[in-house]
Amino acid sequence: MKHYGFTLYELLITLTIIAITLTLSIPSFNKTIQNTRTKTAALELLSAIEQARSTAVFSNTRTVLAAKPQWHDGWEIFLDVDDDGVFDADEKLVTVQEKFDAVKIKGNNHVKELISFVSSGEGRAPGRANTGTIMVGTLTICPITYGAGYSITLSKGGRSRISNITEAECIQAR
């Protein structure tokens, strides 16, 4: 009579090989997850900037993309009818983005707390209707722990572009 199955010795060797393989692959998998989180945050922010700009043009109303209170804590897009850069109860909320885990987003110059677009699609600081200081600046999106990230640059005309940045640039941006 022939028996089918594994001996205890064969089973232990197989489990040891599986354990070694998993131990070696987990750090690589964690890095992949971190890179995906960073890229997702960068693309979501770029999409929100473009949505705020197009909303301003199509609604012919100043539209604000505001951090709450930091960019990595999320943001909201709203129609700023009174041109003050603050969401009021009588203004229309377009969309809200929740917090991102394990990602830090930081803005410089005029884009530290908000980005405001007037009806022509230009980035302008809140103030009087269709006027204000031109909003230009860069937002850096980096992982909290390690790794490279992205930057989104807002130009004079309100257009935005995304580019890769190195791990050293992320360390400097923190």
Protein backbone atom coordinates (compact mmCIF):
# COMPACT_ATOMS: atom_id res chain seq x y z
CA MET A 1 0.00 0.00 0.00
CA LYS A 2 1.38 3.42 -1.02
CA HIS A 3 0.95 6.46 1.29
CA TYR A 4 0.66 9.98 -0.06
CA GLY A 5 1.71 13.09 1.84
CA PHE A 6 4.73 14.91 3.22
CA THR A 7 7.11 13.89 5.92
CA LEU A 8 7.67 16.22 8.86
CA TYR A 9 11.17 16.95 7.54
CA GLU A 10 9.86 18.03 4.10
CA LEU A 11 7.20 20.20 5.69
CA LEU A 12 9.73 21.99 7.95
CA ILE A 13 12.06 22.71 5.03
CA THR A 14 9.18 24.12 2.96
CA LEU A 15 8.00 26.35 5.83
CA THR A 16 11.57 27.59 6.41
CA ILE A 17 11.94 28.57 2.73
CA ILE A 18 8.58 30.39 2.80
CA ALA A 19 9.57 32.27 5.99
CA ILE A 20 12.91 33.37 4.51
CA THR A 21 11.24 34.54 1.29
CA LEU A 22 8.65 36.56 3.19
CA THR A 23 11.29 38.10 5.45
CA LEU A 24 13.27 39.29 2.45
CA SER A 25 10.27 40.63 0.51
CA ILE A 26 8.49 42.64 3.25
CA PRO A 27 10.85 45.69 3.20
CA SER A 28 10.49 45.91 -0.57
CA PHE A 29 6.73 45.63 -0.28
CA ASN A 30 6.62 48.42 2.36
CA LYS A 31 8.58 50.69 0.03
CA THR A 32 6.14 49.94 -2.79
CA ILE A 33 3.19 50.81 -0.55
CA GLN A 34 4.87 54.09 0.50
CA ASN A 35 5.60 55.04 -3.11
CA THR A 36 1.99 54.32 -4.07
CA ARG A 37 0.64 56.45 -1.21
CA THR A 38 2.89 59.37 -2.19
CA LYS A 39 1.97 59.16 -5.87
CA THR A 40 -1.74 58.91 -5.05
CA ALA A 41 -1.56 62.01 -2.85
CA ALA A 42 0.31 63.94 -5.57
CA LEU A 43 -2.17 63.00 -8.28
CA GLU A 44 -5.17 63.76 -6.04
CA LEU A 45 -3.78 67.22 -5.27
CA LEU A 46 -3.01 67.90 -8.93
CA SER A 47 -6.55 66.84 -9.81
CA ALA A 48 -7.98 69.12 -7.11
CA ILE A 49 -5.98 72.09 -8.42
CA GLU A 50 -7.25 71.48 -11.94
CA GLN A 51 -10.81 71.03 -10.67
CA ALA A 52 -10.65 74.31 -8.72
CA ARG A 53 -9.30 76.17 -11.76
CA SER A 54 -11.93 74.80 -14.13
CA THR A 55 -14.69 75.46 -11.60
CA ALA A 56 -13.59 79.10 -11.37
CA VAL A 57 -13.69 79.48 -15.15
CA PHE A 58 -17.02 77.71 -15.71
CA SER A 59 -18.83 79.29 -12.76
CA ASN A 60 -17.30 82.74 -13.38
CA THR A 61 -16.64 82.93 -9.62
CA ARG A 62 -13.49 82.90 -7.52
CA THR A 63 -12.86 79.32 -6.43
CA VAL A 64 -10.61 78.42 -3.51
CA LEU A 65 -8.72 75.22 -2.78
CA ALA A 66 -7.94 75.48 0.93
CA ALA A 67 -5.84 73.23 3.17
CA LYS A 68 -7.43 72.10 6.43
CA PRO A 69 -5.20 73.28 8.20
CA GLN A 70 -2.18 71.62 6.53
CA TRP A 71 -2.28 70.20 3.00
CA HIS A 72 -1.66 66.61 4.17
CA ASP A 73 -4.67 66.94 6.52
CA GLY A 74 -6.90 67.25 3.45
CA TRP A 75 -8.50 70.15 1.64
CA GLU A 76 -11.75 71.59 0.41
CA ILE A 77 -12.80 73.37 -2.76
CA PHE A 78 -15.47 76.05 -2.52
CA LEU A 79 -16.91 78.97 -4.47
CA ASP A 80 -15.71 82.12 -2.71
CA VAL A 81 -18.53 84.55 -3.49
CA ASP A 82 -17.30 87.30 -1.14
CA ASP A 83 -13.62 87.00 -2.26
CA ASP A 84 -12.25 86.64 1.28
CA GLY A 85 -10.65 83.18 0.97
CA VAL A 86 -12.73 81.76 3.85
CA PHE A 87 -15.55 79.26 3.48
CA ASP A 88 -18.79 80.81 4.75
CA ALA A 89 -22.16 79.14 5.34
CA ASP A 90 -23.73 80.82 2.30
CA GLU A 91 -21.00 79.64 -0.12
CA LYS A 92 -21.10 76.43 -2.14
CA LEU A 93 -18.77 73.61 -1.11
CA VAL A 94 -17.62 71.77 -4.26
CA THR A 95 -15.59 68.89 -2.79
CA VAL A 96 -13.69 67.74 0.29
CA GLN A 97 -10.57 65.56 0.48
CA GLU A 98 -9.78 63.69 3.69
CA LYS A 99 -6.38 63.26 5.34
CA PHE A 100 -3.56 61.29 3.72
CA ASP A 101 -1.67 58.76 5.83
CA ALA A 102 2.15 58.61 5.83
CA VAL A 103 2.49 61.57 3.42
CA LYS A 104 3.56 65.16 4.11
CA ILE A 105 2.47 67.96 1.78
CA LYS A 106 3.97 71.40 2.19
CA GLY A 107 3.46 74.57 0.18
CA ASN A 108 5.80 77.53 -0.22
CA ASN A 109 5.28 81.21 -0.99
CA HIS A 110 1.65 82.01 -1.76
CA VAL A 111 0.40 78.42 -1.68
CA LYS A 112 1.09 77.58 1.99
CA GLU A 113 -2.58 77.52 3.02
CA LEU A 114 -4.73 77.95 -0.07
CA ILE A 115 -4.85 78.35 -3.82
CA SER A 116 -7.39 80.76 -5.25
CA PHE A 117 -8.45 81.00 -8.88
CA VAL A 118 -10.38 83.87 -10.47
CA SER A 119 -12.78 83.52 -13.40
CA SER A 120 -9.99 83.86 -15.98
CA GLY A 121 -8.28 80.76 -14.53
CA GLU A 122 -5.37 82.69 -13.06
CA GLY A 123 -4.20 82.02 -9.53
CA ARG A 124 -4.85 85.19 -7.53
CA ALA A 125 -4.78 85.83 -3.79
CA PRO A 126 -8.19 86.55 -2.24
CA GLY A 127 -9.20 90.18 -2.12
CA ARG A 128 -11.31 92.08 -4.58
CA ALA A 129 -13.14 90.27 -7.37
CA ASN A 130 -10.86 89.05 -10.19
CA THR A 131 -7.82 90.84 -8.74
CA GLY A 132 -5.17 90.16 -6.14
CA THR A 133 -1.54 89.15 -5.97
CA ILE A 134 -0.56 86.48 -8.48
CA MET A 135 -0.36 83.09 -6.78
CA VAL A 136 2.72 81.14 -7.81
CA GLY A 137 4.47 78.51 -5.77
CA THR A 138 5.36 74.88 -5.29
CA LEU A 139 3.78 72.13 -3.25
CA THR A 140 6.03 69.23 -2.25
CA ILE A 141 4.54 65.81 -1.62
CA CYS A 142 6.90 63.46 0.24
CA PRO A 143 6.65 60.29 2.30
CA ILE A 144 7.01 60.79 6.05
CA THR A 145 9.71 58.16 6.47
CA TYR A 146 11.96 57.83 3.42
CA GLY A 147 11.96 57.97 -0.34
CA ALA A 148 11.51 60.31 -3.26
CA GLY A 149 8.44 62.42 -3.85
CA TYR A 150 6.75 64.87 -6.18
CA SER A 151 6.38 68.60 -6.57
CA ILE A 152 3.48 70.49 -8.09
CA THR A 153 4.33 73.93 -9.43
CA LEU A 154 1.64 76.55 -9.97
CA SER A 155 2.53 79.02 -12.73
CA LYS A 156 1.58 82.67 -13.20
CA GLY A 157 -1.30 81.78 -15.52
CA GLY A 158 -2.78 79.25 -13.09
CA ARG A 159 -1.51 76.14 -14.81
CA SER A 160 0.09 73.41 -12.76
CA ARG A 161 2.69 70.79 -13.52
CA ILE A 162 3.94 67.79 -11.59
CA SER A 163 7.52 66.54 -11.44
CA ASN A 164 9.55 63.99 -9.54
CA ILE A 165 11.89 65.08 -6.74
CA THR A 166 14.67 63.14 -5.08
CA GLU A 167 14.81 61.83 -1.53
CA ALA A 168 17.34 64.57 -0.71
CA GLU A 169 14.91 67.24 -1.91
CA CYS A 170 12.19 65.67 0.26
CA ILE A 171 14.46 65.79 3.30
CA GLN A 172 15.21 69.45 2.58
CA ALA A 173 11.49 70.25 2.14
CA ARG A 174 10.61 68.89 5.58
